[in-house]
Amino acid sequence: MTSGGDRAHWNRAYEGQDDDALSWFQAEPQPSLDLIAGHGPGREVSILDIGGGASRLTDALLDAGYRDLSVLDISDAALAVTRRRLGDRAGRVAFIAADITSWTPPRRWDVWHDRAVLHFLTSEAEQAAYRRALLTATAAGSIAVLGTFAPDGPERCSGLPVKRWSAGALARFLAPEFRLLDRRRHLHQTPKGAAQSFEFAVLVRD
């Protein structure tokens, strides 16, 4: 990525400290888990988690009985954290080390989940590349669960500028192929006690 940081930037973030000390860490991956369960049609769905390298969402989805899971992250170090944590269960997950702005999806998924990748893409070119990847990786009936910093959220994260989104703006960004199904505000507490406003949107592809 350019404004979103490159592989070296994100590898340094994960190699420099434990993942549970990073500002985006969640012990319980909410509201992502609730939104996927509420809008995804059963445990047989295929799920792609964008930027989910070290996230606990993969663990929670496996615990809940989901079986077709893929995790994409630009950081090899982040993916390695989850592989180690999952142990023998890591073989049940497809790990993809790639930059979302230059990645060509090899298949389609029922659920595209992204918590906190899109808001790092601040240029129109990066956002357009992200949108192309999302459209290539989904089909009619697929849902997208997107979580970004809300309009009143932070202006920077991990030393980088961000673009803040509302659910309405996310819907316009993905129209006309997707339409908004649900939205949710979320106040994330960082490990250091700071509060960050997030906005989640759930959209379905027509």
N, C-alpha and C. Protein backbone atom coordinates (compact mmCIF):
# COMPACT_ATOMS: atom_id res chain seq x y z
N MET A 1 0.83 -1.19 0.00
CA MET A 1 0.00 0.00 0.00
C MET A 1 0.87 1.25 0.00
N THR A 2 0.25 2.37 -0.26
CA THR A 2 0.98 3.63 -0.24
C THR A 2 0.59 4.38 1.03
N SER A 3 -0.52 5.09 1.01
CA SER A 3 -0.94 5.78 2.23
C SER A 3 -1.34 4.81 3.32
N GLY A 4 -1.71 3.57 2.95
CA GLY A 4 -2.11 2.58 3.94
C GLY A 4 -0.96 1.86 4.60
N GLY A 5 0.26 2.18 4.25
CA GLY A 5 1.41 1.52 4.83
C GLY A 5 1.78 0.28 4.04
N ASP A 6 3.08 -0.04 4.01
CA ASP A 6 3.52 -1.20 3.26
C ASP A 6 3.74 -2.38 4.19
N ARG A 7 4.18 -3.51 3.62
CA ARG A 7 4.36 -4.73 4.41
C ARG A 7 5.36 -4.52 5.54
N ALA A 8 6.45 -3.79 5.27
CA ALA A 8 7.46 -3.55 6.30
C ALA A 8 6.87 -2.78 7.48
N HIS A 9 6.03 -1.78 7.19
CA HIS A 9 5.41 -1.00 8.26
C HIS A 9 4.59 -1.88 9.18
N TRP A 10 3.75 -2.74 8.59
CA TRP A 10 2.86 -3.56 9.42
C TRP A 10 3.59 -4.72 10.07
N ASN A 11 4.62 -5.25 9.43
CA ASN A 11 5.42 -6.26 10.11
C ASN A 11 6.11 -5.69 11.34
N ARG A 12 6.61 -4.45 11.22
CA ARG A 12 7.24 -3.82 12.39
C ARG A 12 6.24 -3.66 13.53
N ALA A 13 5.00 -3.33 13.20
CA ALA A 13 3.98 -3.15 14.23
C ALA A 13 3.79 -4.42 15.05
N TYR A 14 3.79 -5.56 14.38
CA TYR A 14 3.54 -6.83 15.08
C TYR A 14 4.79 -7.42 15.69
N GLU A 15 5.95 -7.14 15.11
CA GLU A 15 7.19 -7.68 15.66
C GLU A 15 7.69 -6.88 16.85
N GLY A 16 7.20 -5.64 16.98
CA GLY A 16 7.71 -4.77 18.03
C GLY A 16 7.09 -4.99 19.40
N GLN A 17 5.91 -5.63 19.46
CA GLN A 17 5.24 -5.84 20.74
C GLN A 17 4.20 -6.94 20.61
N ASP A 18 3.72 -7.42 21.73
CA ASP A 18 2.69 -8.45 21.71
C ASP A 18 1.43 -7.91 21.05
N ASP A 19 0.72 -8.81 20.33
CA ASP A 19 -0.45 -8.34 19.59
C ASP A 19 -1.55 -7.82 20.51
N ASP A 20 -1.61 -8.31 21.76
CA ASP A 20 -2.66 -7.85 22.67
C ASP A 20 -2.36 -6.48 23.28
N ALA A 21 -1.22 -5.88 22.89
CA ALA A 21 -0.90 -4.51 23.32
C ALA A 21 -1.18 -3.49 22.22
N LEU A 22 -1.50 -3.97 21.03
CA LEU A 22 -1.75 -3.07 19.90
C LEU A 22 -3.12 -2.40 20.03
N SER A 23 -3.24 -1.20 19.50
CA SER A 23 -4.45 -0.40 19.76
C SER A 23 -5.72 -1.05 19.23
N TRP A 24 -5.61 -1.86 18.18
CA TRP A 24 -6.81 -2.45 17.56
C TRP A 24 -7.17 -3.81 18.16
N PHE A 25 -6.43 -4.26 19.18
CA PHE A 25 -6.68 -5.59 19.75
C PHE A 25 -8.07 -5.69 20.38
N GLN A 26 -8.72 -6.82 20.14
CA GLN A 26 -9.99 -7.16 20.78
C GLN A 26 -9.91 -8.59 21.32
N ALA A 27 -10.13 -8.76 22.61
CA ALA A 27 -10.20 -10.11 23.16
C ALA A 27 -11.45 -10.82 22.66
N GLU A 28 -12.55 -10.06 22.54
CA GLU A 28 -13.80 -10.57 21.99
C GLU A 28 -14.10 -9.80 20.71
N PRO A 29 -14.16 -10.48 19.56
CA PRO A 29 -14.29 -9.79 18.26
C PRO A 29 -15.72 -9.32 17.98
N GLN A 30 -16.14 -8.30 18.69
CA GLN A 30 -17.47 -7.75 18.51
C GLN A 30 -17.37 -6.32 17.99
N PRO A 31 -18.36 -5.87 17.23
CA PRO A 31 -19.61 -6.55 16.87
C PRO A 31 -19.50 -7.46 15.65
N SER A 32 -18.28 -7.68 15.16
CA SER A 32 -18.11 -8.48 13.93
C SER A 32 -18.79 -9.83 14.02
N LEU A 33 -18.57 -10.55 15.11
CA LEU A 33 -19.11 -11.90 15.23
C LEU A 33 -20.64 -11.89 15.19
N ASP A 34 -21.25 -10.96 15.89
CA ASP A 34 -22.71 -10.87 15.91
C ASP A 34 -23.26 -10.53 14.52
N LEU A 35 -22.61 -9.63 13.82
CA LEU A 35 -23.10 -9.21 12.50
C LEU A 35 -22.96 -10.33 11.47
N ILE A 36 -21.87 -11.07 11.54
CA ILE A 36 -21.70 -12.21 10.63
C ILE A 36 -22.75 -13.27 10.92
N ALA A 37 -22.94 -13.59 12.20
CA ALA A 37 -23.93 -14.61 12.57
C ALA A 37 -25.34 -14.16 12.25
N GLY A 38 -25.61 -12.87 12.41
CA GLY A 38 -26.96 -12.36 12.18
C GLY A 38 -27.35 -12.25 10.73
N HIS A 39 -26.37 -12.05 9.85
CA HIS A 39 -26.68 -11.83 8.44
C HIS A 39 -26.14 -12.92 7.52
N GLY A 40 -25.21 -13.72 7.98
CA GLY A 40 -24.71 -14.82 7.17
C GLY A 40 -25.65 -16.01 7.25
N PRO A 41 -25.94 -16.66 6.12
CA PRO A 41 -26.92 -17.75 6.11
C PRO A 41 -26.34 -19.08 6.60
N GLY A 42 -26.08 -19.18 7.88
CA GLY A 42 -25.67 -20.46 8.45
C GLY A 42 -24.17 -20.65 8.53
N ARG A 43 -23.79 -21.76 9.16
CA ARG A 43 -22.38 -22.04 9.42
C ARG A 43 -21.65 -22.58 8.20
N GLU A 44 -22.38 -22.84 7.11
CA GLU A 44 -21.74 -23.38 5.91
C GLU A 44 -21.17 -22.28 5.01
N VAL A 45 -21.38 -21.02 5.37
CA VAL A 45 -20.91 -19.94 4.50
C VAL A 45 -19.38 -19.88 4.48
N SER A 46 -18.86 -19.37 3.38
CA SER A 46 -17.43 -19.10 3.27
C SER A 46 -17.18 -17.66 3.68
N ILE A 47 -16.11 -17.45 4.47
CA ILE A 47 -15.83 -16.13 5.03
C ILE A 47 -14.39 -15.74 4.71
N LEU A 48 -14.22 -14.53 4.22
CA LEU A 48 -12.90 -13.94 3.99
C LEU A 48 -12.74 -12.75 4.92
N ASP A 49 -11.73 -12.80 5.77
CA ASP A 49 -11.47 -11.72 6.73
C ASP A 49 -10.29 -10.89 6.22
N ILE A 50 -10.59 -9.67 5.80
CA ILE A 50 -9.57 -8.77 5.25
C ILE A 50 -8.84 -8.07 6.40
N GLY A 51 -7.52 -8.18 6.43
CA GLY A 51 -6.74 -7.55 7.48
C GLY A 51 -6.88 -8.23 8.82
N GLY A 52 -7.28 -9.50 8.80
CA GLY A 52 -7.54 -10.22 10.05
C GLY A 52 -6.35 -10.98 10.59
N GLY A 53 -5.15 -10.58 10.22
CA GLY A 53 -3.95 -11.33 10.53
C GLY A 53 -3.86 -11.91 11.93
N ALA A 54 -3.87 -11.07 12.94
CA ALA A 54 -3.72 -11.55 14.32
C ALA A 54 -5.04 -11.49 15.09
N SER A 55 -6.14 -11.20 14.40
CA SER A 55 -7.43 -11.04 15.07
C SER A 55 -7.90 -12.34 15.70
N ARG A 56 -8.63 -12.22 16.81
CA ARG A 56 -9.26 -13.38 17.44
C ARG A 56 -10.53 -13.81 16.75
N LEU A 57 -10.93 -13.10 15.68
CA LEU A 57 -12.17 -13.47 14.99
C LEU A 57 -12.07 -14.88 14.40
N THR A 58 -10.93 -15.23 13.86
CA THR A 58 -10.77 -16.57 13.28
C THR A 58 -11.02 -17.65 14.34
N ASP A 59 -10.45 -17.47 15.53
CA ASP A 59 -10.66 -18.43 16.62
C ASP A 59 -12.15 -18.54 16.95
N ALA A 60 -12.81 -17.38 17.05
CA ALA A 60 -14.21 -17.37 17.43
C ALA A 60 -15.09 -18.03 16.37
N LEU A 61 -14.76 -17.82 15.10
CA LEU A 61 -15.54 -18.44 14.03
C LEU A 61 -15.35 -19.96 14.01
N LEU A 62 -14.13 -20.41 14.24
CA LEU A 62 -13.89 -21.85 14.34
C LEU A 62 -14.66 -22.43 15.52
N ASP A 63 -14.63 -21.74 16.65
CA ASP A 63 -15.36 -22.21 17.84
C ASP A 63 -16.86 -22.32 17.56
N ALA A 64 -17.36 -21.40 16.72
CA ALA A 64 -18.80 -21.36 16.42
C ALA A 64 -19.21 -22.37 15.35
N GLY A 65 -18.24 -23.05 14.75
CA GLY A 65 -18.57 -24.09 13.79
C GLY A 65 -18.43 -23.73 12.33
N TYR A 66 -17.91 -22.54 12.03
CA TYR A 66 -17.66 -22.19 10.63
C TYR A 66 -16.45 -22.97 10.12
N ARG A 67 -16.51 -23.40 8.85
CA ARG A 67 -15.48 -24.31 8.36
C ARG A 67 -14.73 -23.83 7.13
N ASP A 68 -15.27 -22.84 6.43
CA ASP A 68 -14.62 -22.34 5.22
C ASP A 68 -14.12 -20.93 5.49
N LEU A 69 -12.94 -20.83 6.06
CA LEU A 69 -12.40 -19.55 6.53
C LEU A 69 -11.11 -19.21 5.81
N SER A 70 -11.01 -17.96 5.39
CA SER A 70 -9.78 -17.43 4.79
C SER A 70 -9.46 -16.11 5.48
N VAL A 71 -8.17 -15.87 5.70
CA VAL A 71 -7.71 -14.64 6.33
C VAL A 71 -6.64 -14.02 5.45
N LEU A 72 -6.85 -12.76 5.07
CA LEU A 72 -5.88 -12.03 4.26
C LEU A 72 -5.28 -10.91 5.08
N ASP A 73 -3.97 -10.77 5.00
CA ASP A 73 -3.30 -9.66 5.68
C ASP A 73 -2.02 -9.32 4.92
N ILE A 74 -1.67 -8.06 4.91
CA ILE A 74 -0.43 -7.63 4.28
C ILE A 74 0.78 -8.06 5.09
N SER A 75 0.58 -8.32 6.39
CA SER A 75 1.69 -8.61 7.30
C SER A 75 1.87 -10.11 7.50
N ASP A 76 3.01 -10.62 7.08
CA ASP A 76 3.35 -12.02 7.36
C ASP A 76 3.45 -12.26 8.86
N ALA A 77 3.96 -11.26 9.57
CA ALA A 77 4.13 -11.40 11.02
C ALA A 77 2.78 -11.54 11.71
N ALA A 78 1.78 -10.80 11.25
CA ALA A 78 0.45 -10.89 11.85
C ALA A 78 -0.17 -12.27 11.61
N LEU A 79 -0.04 -12.77 10.40
CA LEU A 79 -0.57 -14.10 10.09
C LEU A 79 0.13 -15.17 10.92
N ALA A 80 1.43 -14.99 11.13
CA ALA A 80 2.18 -15.97 11.92
C ALA A 80 1.68 -16.01 13.36
N VAL A 81 1.24 -14.88 13.90
CA VAL A 81 0.69 -14.84 15.26
C VAL A 81 -0.51 -15.78 15.37
N THR A 82 -1.41 -15.70 14.39
CA THR A 82 -2.62 -16.53 14.43
C THR A 82 -2.29 -17.99 14.18
N ARG A 83 -1.37 -18.26 13.27
CA ARG A 83 -0.98 -19.65 13.05
C ARG A 83 -0.47 -20.29 14.34
N ARG A 84 0.38 -19.56 15.05
CA ARG A 84 0.91 -20.10 16.31
C ARG A 84 -0.19 -20.28 17.34
N ARG A 85 -1.08 -19.31 17.43
CA ARG A 85 -2.13 -19.36 18.43
C ARG A 85 -3.11 -20.50 18.17
N LEU A 86 -3.43 -20.75 16.90
CA LEU A 86 -4.38 -21.79 16.56
C LEU A 86 -3.80 -23.20 16.67
N GLY A 87 -2.49 -23.31 16.54
CA GLY A 87 -1.86 -24.62 16.65
C GLY A 87 -2.37 -25.57 15.56
N ASP A 88 -2.86 -26.73 15.97
CA ASP A 88 -3.32 -27.73 15.00
C ASP A 88 -4.50 -27.23 14.18
N ARG A 89 -5.26 -26.28 14.70
CA ARG A 89 -6.43 -25.78 13.97
C ARG A 89 -6.05 -24.86 12.82
N ALA A 90 -4.80 -24.42 12.76
CA ALA A 90 -4.38 -23.52 11.69
C ALA A 90 -4.55 -24.15 10.32
N GLY A 91 -4.47 -25.47 10.24
CA GLY A 91 -4.63 -26.15 8.97
C GLY A 91 -6.03 -26.07 8.41
N ARG A 92 -6.97 -25.61 9.21
CA ARG A 92 -8.36 -25.48 8.77
C ARG A 92 -8.65 -24.10 8.19
N VAL A 93 -7.64 -23.25 8.13
CA VAL A 93 -7.81 -21.87 7.68
C VAL A 93 -6.86 -21.61 6.50
N ALA A 94 -7.34 -20.91 5.48
CA ALA A 94 -6.49 -20.47 4.37
C ALA A 94 -5.90 -19.11 4.72
N PHE A 95 -4.59 -19.02 4.81
CA PHE A 95 -3.91 -17.77 5.13
C PHE A 95 -3.34 -17.18 3.84
N ILE A 96 -3.65 -15.90 3.61
CA ILE A 96 -3.25 -15.22 2.38
C ILE A 96 -2.44 -13.98 2.75
N ALA A 97 -1.15 -13.97 2.40
CA ALA A 97 -0.31 -12.80 2.62
C ALA A 97 -0.35 -11.95 1.36
N ALA A 98 -1.06 -10.83 1.40
CA ALA A 98 -1.23 -10.02 0.20
C ALA A 98 -1.65 -8.60 0.57
N ASP A 99 -1.36 -7.69 -0.32
CA ASP A 99 -1.81 -6.30 -0.25
C ASP A 99 -3.15 -6.22 -0.97
N ILE A 100 -4.19 -5.84 -0.27
CA ILE A 100 -5.54 -5.85 -0.84
C ILE A 100 -5.63 -4.97 -2.08
N THR A 101 -4.78 -3.95 -2.20
CA THR A 101 -4.87 -3.04 -3.34
C THR A 101 -4.22 -3.59 -4.60
N SER A 102 -3.53 -4.72 -4.50
CA SER A 102 -2.92 -5.32 -5.70
C SER A 102 -3.24 -6.81 -5.82
N TRP A 103 -4.16 -7.30 -5.00
CA TRP A 103 -4.50 -8.72 -4.95
C TRP A 103 -5.62 -9.05 -5.92
N THR A 104 -5.49 -10.18 -6.60
CA THR A 104 -6.55 -10.69 -7.47
C THR A 104 -7.19 -11.90 -6.80
N PRO A 105 -8.42 -11.80 -6.34
CA PRO A 105 -9.06 -12.93 -5.65
C PRO A 105 -9.18 -14.15 -6.57
N PRO A 106 -8.80 -15.34 -6.08
CA PRO A 106 -8.87 -16.55 -6.91
C PRO A 106 -10.22 -17.26 -6.86
N ARG A 107 -11.13 -16.78 -6.00
CA ARG A 107 -12.43 -17.42 -5.84
C ARG A 107 -13.41 -16.38 -5.30
N ARG A 108 -14.63 -16.84 -4.98
CA ARG A 108 -15.63 -15.96 -4.39
C ARG A 108 -16.01 -16.47 -3.01
N TRP A 109 -16.40 -15.54 -2.15
CA TRP A 109 -16.80 -15.86 -0.79
C TRP A 109 -18.21 -15.35 -0.52
N ASP A 110 -18.88 -15.98 0.44
CA ASP A 110 -20.23 -15.55 0.84
C ASP A 110 -20.19 -14.32 1.72
N VAL A 111 -19.14 -14.20 2.53
CA VAL A 111 -19.02 -13.09 3.48
C VAL A 111 -17.63 -12.46 3.33
N TRP A 112 -17.63 -11.16 3.09
CA TRP A 112 -16.39 -10.36 3.08
C TRP A 112 -16.42 -9.54 4.37
N HIS A 113 -15.44 -9.74 5.24
CA HIS A 113 -15.38 -8.99 6.51
C HIS A 113 -14.12 -8.15 6.54
N ASP A 114 -14.27 -6.92 6.96
CA ASP A 114 -13.14 -6.01 7.08
C ASP A 114 -13.36 -5.11 8.27
N ARG A 115 -12.56 -5.27 9.29
CA ARG A 115 -12.55 -4.33 10.40
C ARG A 115 -11.21 -3.60 10.38
N ALA A 116 -11.25 -2.35 9.91
CA ALA A 116 -10.10 -1.44 10.04
C ALA A 116 -9.01 -1.59 8.99
N VAL A 117 -9.36 -2.05 7.78
CA VAL A 117 -8.41 -1.94 6.66
C VAL A 117 -8.80 -0.78 5.76
N LEU A 118 -10.06 -0.73 5.35
CA LEU A 118 -10.48 0.29 4.39
C LEU A 118 -10.16 1.70 4.86
N HIS A 119 -10.26 1.96 6.16
CA HIS A 119 -10.03 3.35 6.57
C HIS A 119 -8.57 3.78 6.43
N PHE A 120 -7.65 2.83 6.23
CA PHE A 120 -6.26 3.21 5.98
C PHE A 120 -6.01 3.57 4.52
N LEU A 121 -6.96 3.30 3.66
CA LEU A 121 -6.80 3.59 2.23
C LEU A 121 -7.38 4.97 1.95
N THR A 122 -6.53 5.95 1.90
CA THR A 122 -6.99 7.34 1.85
C THR A 122 -6.98 7.92 0.44
N SER A 123 -6.37 7.27 -0.51
CA SER A 123 -6.37 7.80 -1.88
C SER A 123 -7.48 7.15 -2.69
N GLU A 124 -7.96 7.86 -3.69
CA GLU A 124 -9.02 7.32 -4.55
C GLU A 124 -8.55 6.08 -5.29
N ALA A 125 -7.28 6.04 -5.67
CA ALA A 125 -6.76 4.88 -6.39
C ALA A 125 -6.79 3.63 -5.51
N GLU A 126 -6.38 3.78 -4.26
CA GLU A 126 -6.41 2.64 -3.34
C GLU A 126 -7.83 2.18 -3.07
N GLN A 127 -8.72 3.12 -2.87
CA GLN A 127 -10.11 2.77 -2.62
C GLN A 127 -10.73 2.07 -3.83
N ALA A 128 -10.39 2.52 -5.02
CA ALA A 128 -10.91 1.88 -6.23
C ALA A 128 -10.37 0.46 -6.36
N ALA A 129 -9.09 0.25 -6.01
CA ALA A 129 -8.51 -1.08 -6.08
C ALA A 129 -9.17 -2.01 -5.06
N TYR A 130 -9.45 -1.49 -3.88
CA TYR A 130 -10.15 -2.26 -2.85
C TYR A 130 -11.53 -2.67 -3.35
N ARG A 131 -12.24 -1.73 -3.94
CA ARG A 131 -13.59 -2.00 -4.44
C ARG A 131 -13.56 -3.07 -5.52
N ARG A 132 -12.57 -3.01 -6.43
CA ARG A 132 -12.46 -4.02 -7.48
C ARG A 132 -12.23 -5.41 -6.88
N ALA A 133 -11.37 -5.49 -5.87
CA ALA A 133 -11.11 -6.78 -5.23
C ALA A 133 -12.37 -7.31 -4.58
N LEU A 134 -13.11 -6.44 -3.89
CA LEU A 134 -14.34 -6.87 -3.23
C LEU A 134 -15.35 -7.39 -4.24
N LEU A 135 -15.52 -6.70 -5.36
CA LEU A 135 -16.49 -7.13 -6.37
C LEU A 135 -16.06 -8.44 -7.02
N THR A 136 -14.76 -8.62 -7.22
CA THR A 136 -14.27 -9.86 -7.81
C THR A 136 -14.47 -11.04 -6.86
N ALA A 137 -14.36 -10.78 -5.55
CA ALA A 137 -14.39 -11.84 -4.55
C ALA A 137 -15.79 -12.18 -4.05
N THR A 138 -16.83 -11.51 -4.57
CA THR A 138 -18.19 -11.74 -4.10
C THR A 138 -19.12 -12.00 -5.28
N ALA A 139 -20.32 -12.47 -4.97
CA ALA A 139 -21.34 -12.74 -5.99
C ALA A 139 -22.69 -12.28 -5.46
N ALA A 140 -23.73 -12.37 -6.28
CA ALA A 140 -25.07 -12.02 -5.82
C ALA A 140 -25.42 -12.82 -4.57
N GLY A 141 -25.90 -12.12 -3.55
CA GLY A 141 -26.22 -12.75 -2.28
C GLY A 141 -25.12 -12.68 -1.25
N SER A 142 -23.89 -12.39 -1.66
CA SER A 142 -22.79 -12.22 -0.70
C SER A 142 -23.05 -11.00 0.17
N ILE A 143 -22.54 -11.03 1.39
CA ILE A 143 -22.63 -9.86 2.25
C ILE A 143 -21.24 -9.33 2.56
N ALA A 144 -21.18 -8.04 2.79
CA ALA A 144 -19.95 -7.37 3.22
C ALA A 144 -20.20 -6.75 4.59
N VAL A 145 -19.34 -7.08 5.53
CA VAL A 145 -19.39 -6.50 6.87
C VAL A 145 -18.16 -5.62 7.00
N LEU A 146 -18.37 -4.31 7.00
CA LEU A 146 -17.27 -3.35 7.00
C LEU A 146 -17.28 -2.53 8.28
N GLY A 147 -16.15 -2.50 8.96
CA GLY A 147 -16.00 -1.68 10.15
C GLY A 147 -14.86 -0.69 9.96
N THR A 148 -15.16 0.59 10.10
CA THR A 148 -14.17 1.65 9.92
C THR A 148 -14.27 2.65 11.06
N PHE A 149 -13.27 3.51 11.18
CA PHE A 149 -13.41 4.63 12.10
C PHE A 149 -14.60 5.48 11.67
N ALA A 150 -15.43 5.83 12.64
CA ALA A 150 -16.62 6.64 12.39
C ALA A 150 -16.23 8.10 12.12
N PRO A 151 -17.17 8.91 11.65
CA PRO A 151 -16.86 10.32 11.40
C PRO A 151 -16.28 11.05 12.62
N ASP A 152 -16.61 10.60 13.83
CA ASP A 152 -16.04 11.22 15.02
C ASP A 152 -14.91 10.37 15.61
N GLY A 153 -14.37 9.46 14.82
CA GLY A 153 -13.28 8.61 15.27
C GLY A 153 -11.92 9.26 15.08
N PRO A 154 -10.85 8.51 15.36
CA PRO A 154 -9.49 9.05 15.23
C PRO A 154 -9.18 9.48 13.80
N GLU A 155 -8.29 10.45 13.69
CA GLU A 155 -7.84 10.90 12.37
C GLU A 155 -6.56 10.19 11.94
N ARG A 156 -5.89 9.53 12.89
CA ARG A 156 -4.67 8.80 12.60
C ARG A 156 -4.65 7.52 13.43
N CYS A 157 -3.91 6.52 12.93
CA CYS A 157 -3.75 5.27 13.67
C CYS A 157 -2.45 4.63 13.21
N SER A 158 -1.70 4.07 14.13
CA SER A 158 -0.43 3.41 13.82
C SER A 158 0.50 4.33 13.03
N GLY A 159 0.45 5.61 13.34
CA GLY A 159 1.31 6.57 12.67
C GLY A 159 0.88 6.96 11.28
N LEU A 160 -0.32 6.55 10.86
CA LEU A 160 -0.79 6.81 9.50
C LEU A 160 -2.10 7.59 9.52
N PRO A 161 -2.35 8.42 8.51
CA PRO A 161 -3.65 9.08 8.39
C PRO A 161 -4.71 8.08 7.99
N VAL A 162 -5.96 8.36 8.33
CA VAL A 162 -7.07 7.48 7.96
C VAL A 162 -8.19 8.31 7.32
N LYS A 163 -9.08 7.60 6.64
CA LYS A 163 -10.31 8.20 6.13
C LYS A 163 -11.45 7.66 6.95
N ARG A 164 -12.21 8.54 7.58
CA ARG A 164 -13.34 8.12 8.41
C ARG A 164 -14.59 8.00 7.54
N TRP A 165 -15.41 6.98 7.86
CA TRP A 165 -16.58 6.68 7.05
C TRP A 165 -17.82 6.59 7.94
N SER A 166 -18.95 6.96 7.37
CA SER A 166 -20.25 6.63 7.95
C SER A 166 -20.80 5.41 7.21
N ALA A 167 -21.82 4.77 7.79
CA ALA A 167 -22.45 3.64 7.11
C ALA A 167 -23.05 4.09 5.78
N GLY A 168 -23.62 5.28 5.76
CA GLY A 168 -24.18 5.80 4.51
C GLY A 168 -23.12 6.00 3.45
N ALA A 169 -21.96 6.49 3.85
CA ALA A 169 -20.87 6.69 2.88
C ALA A 169 -20.36 5.35 2.37
N LEU A 170 -20.31 4.35 3.25
CA LEU A 170 -19.90 3.01 2.81
C LEU A 170 -20.90 2.44 1.80
N ALA A 171 -22.18 2.68 2.05
CA ALA A 171 -23.21 2.21 1.12
C ALA A 171 -23.06 2.89 -0.25
N ARG A 172 -22.80 4.18 -0.24
CA ARG A 172 -22.62 4.89 -1.52
C ARG A 172 -21.35 4.40 -2.23
N PHE A 173 -20.33 4.10 -1.47
CA PHE A 173 -19.06 3.62 -2.02
C PHE A 173 -19.26 2.30 -2.78
N LEU A 174 -20.15 1.44 -2.29
CA LEU A 174 -20.35 0.12 -2.90
C LEU A 174 -21.58 0.05 -3.80
N ALA A 175 -22.34 1.12 -3.90
CA ALA A 175 -23.49 1.14 -4.80
C ALA A 175 -23.00 1.20 -6.26
N PRO A 176 -23.78 0.65 -7.20
CA PRO A 176 -25.12 0.05 -7.03
C PRO A 176 -25.09 -1.45 -6.77
N GLU A 177 -23.91 -2.05 -6.75
CA GLU A 177 -23.86 -3.51 -6.62
C GLU A 177 -24.32 -3.98 -5.24
N PHE A 178 -24.06 -3.17 -4.21
CA PHE A 178 -24.44 -3.53 -2.84
C PHE A 178 -25.46 -2.53 -2.30
N ARG A 179 -26.32 -3.01 -1.39
CA ARG A 179 -27.24 -2.12 -0.68
C ARG A 179 -27.13 -2.39 0.82
N LEU A 180 -27.40 -1.35 1.59
CA LEU A 180 -27.23 -1.40 3.03
C LEU A 180 -28.33 -2.21 3.70
N LEU A 181 -27.93 -3.15 4.57
CA LEU A 181 -28.86 -3.95 5.35
C LEU A 181 -28.92 -3.52 6.81
N ASP A 182 -27.77 -3.14 7.36
CA ASP A 182 -27.69 -2.90 8.80
C ASP A 182 -26.52 -1.98 9.07
N ARG A 183 -26.58 -1.29 10.17
CA ARG A 183 -25.47 -0.44 10.60
C ARG A 183 -25.37 -0.50 12.11
N ARG A 184 -24.18 -0.28 12.62
CA ARG A 184 -24.01 -0.31 14.06
C ARG A 184 -22.84 0.57 14.48
N ARG A 185 -23.05 1.35 15.49
CA ARG A 185 -21.96 2.12 16.10
C ARG A 185 -21.27 1.25 17.14
N HIS A 186 -19.98 1.44 17.29
CA HIS A 186 -19.23 0.64 18.25
C HIS A 186 -18.14 1.50 18.85
N LEU A 187 -18.03 1.49 20.17
CA LEU A 187 -16.97 2.22 20.86
C LEU A 187 -15.91 1.22 21.30
N HIS A 188 -14.78 1.26 20.63
CA HIS A 188 -13.69 0.33 20.91
C HIS A 188 -12.78 0.91 21.99
N GLN A 189 -12.50 0.11 23.00
CA GLN A 189 -11.57 0.50 24.05
C GLN A 189 -10.21 -0.14 23.74
N THR A 190 -9.19 0.68 23.55
CA THR A 190 -7.86 0.15 23.27
C THR A 190 -7.26 -0.43 24.54
N PRO A 191 -6.22 -1.26 24.40
CA PRO A 191 -5.57 -1.82 25.60
C PRO A 191 -5.08 -0.76 26.59
N LYS A 192 -4.82 0.46 26.09
CA LYS A 192 -4.36 1.54 26.97
C LYS A 192 -5.51 2.38 27.50
N GLY A 193 -6.76 2.00 27.18
CA GLY A 193 -7.91 2.68 27.74
C GLY A 193 -8.49 3.80 26.93
N ALA A 194 -7.96 4.05 25.73
CA ALA A 194 -8.52 5.10 24.88
C ALA A 194 -9.79 4.58 24.21
N ALA A 195 -10.70 5.51 23.92
CA ALA A 195 -11.96 5.15 23.25
C ALA A 195 -11.89 5.57 21.78
N GLN A 196 -12.25 4.65 20.89
CA GLN A 196 -12.24 4.92 19.46
C GLN A 196 -13.62 4.61 18.89
N SER A 197 -14.21 5.57 18.19
CA SER A 197 -15.53 5.38 17.60
C SER A 197 -15.43 4.68 16.25
N PHE A 198 -16.12 3.55 16.14
CA PHE A 198 -16.21 2.80 14.89
C PHE A 198 -17.65 2.83 14.38
N GLU A 199 -17.79 2.66 13.08
CA GLU A 199 -19.09 2.48 12.47
C GLU A 199 -19.03 1.22 11.60
N PHE A 200 -19.99 0.33 11.79
CA PHE A 200 -20.08 -0.90 11.01
C PHE A 200 -21.27 -0.82 10.07
N ALA A 201 -21.07 -1.32 8.86
CA ALA A 201 -22.14 -1.43 7.88
C ALA A 201 -22.20 -2.86 7.37
N VAL A 202 -23.39 -3.39 7.24
CA VAL A 202 -23.61 -4.70 6.60
C VAL A 202 -24.35 -4.44 5.30
N LEU A 203 -23.79 -4.93 4.20
CA LEU A 203 -24.36 -4.70 2.88
C LEU A 203 -24.51 -6.03 2.16
N VAL A 204 -25.50 -6.14 1.30
CA VAL A 204 -25.73 -7.34 0.53
C VAL A 204 -25.56 -7.03 -0.95
N ARG A 205 -24.99 -7.97 -1.68
CA ARG A 205 -24.81 -7.77 -3.12
C ARG A 205 -26.05 -8.28 -3.86
N ASP A 206 -26.61 -7.44 -4.68
CA ASP A 206 -27.80 -7.81 -5.46
C ASP A 206 -27.44 -8.58 -6.73
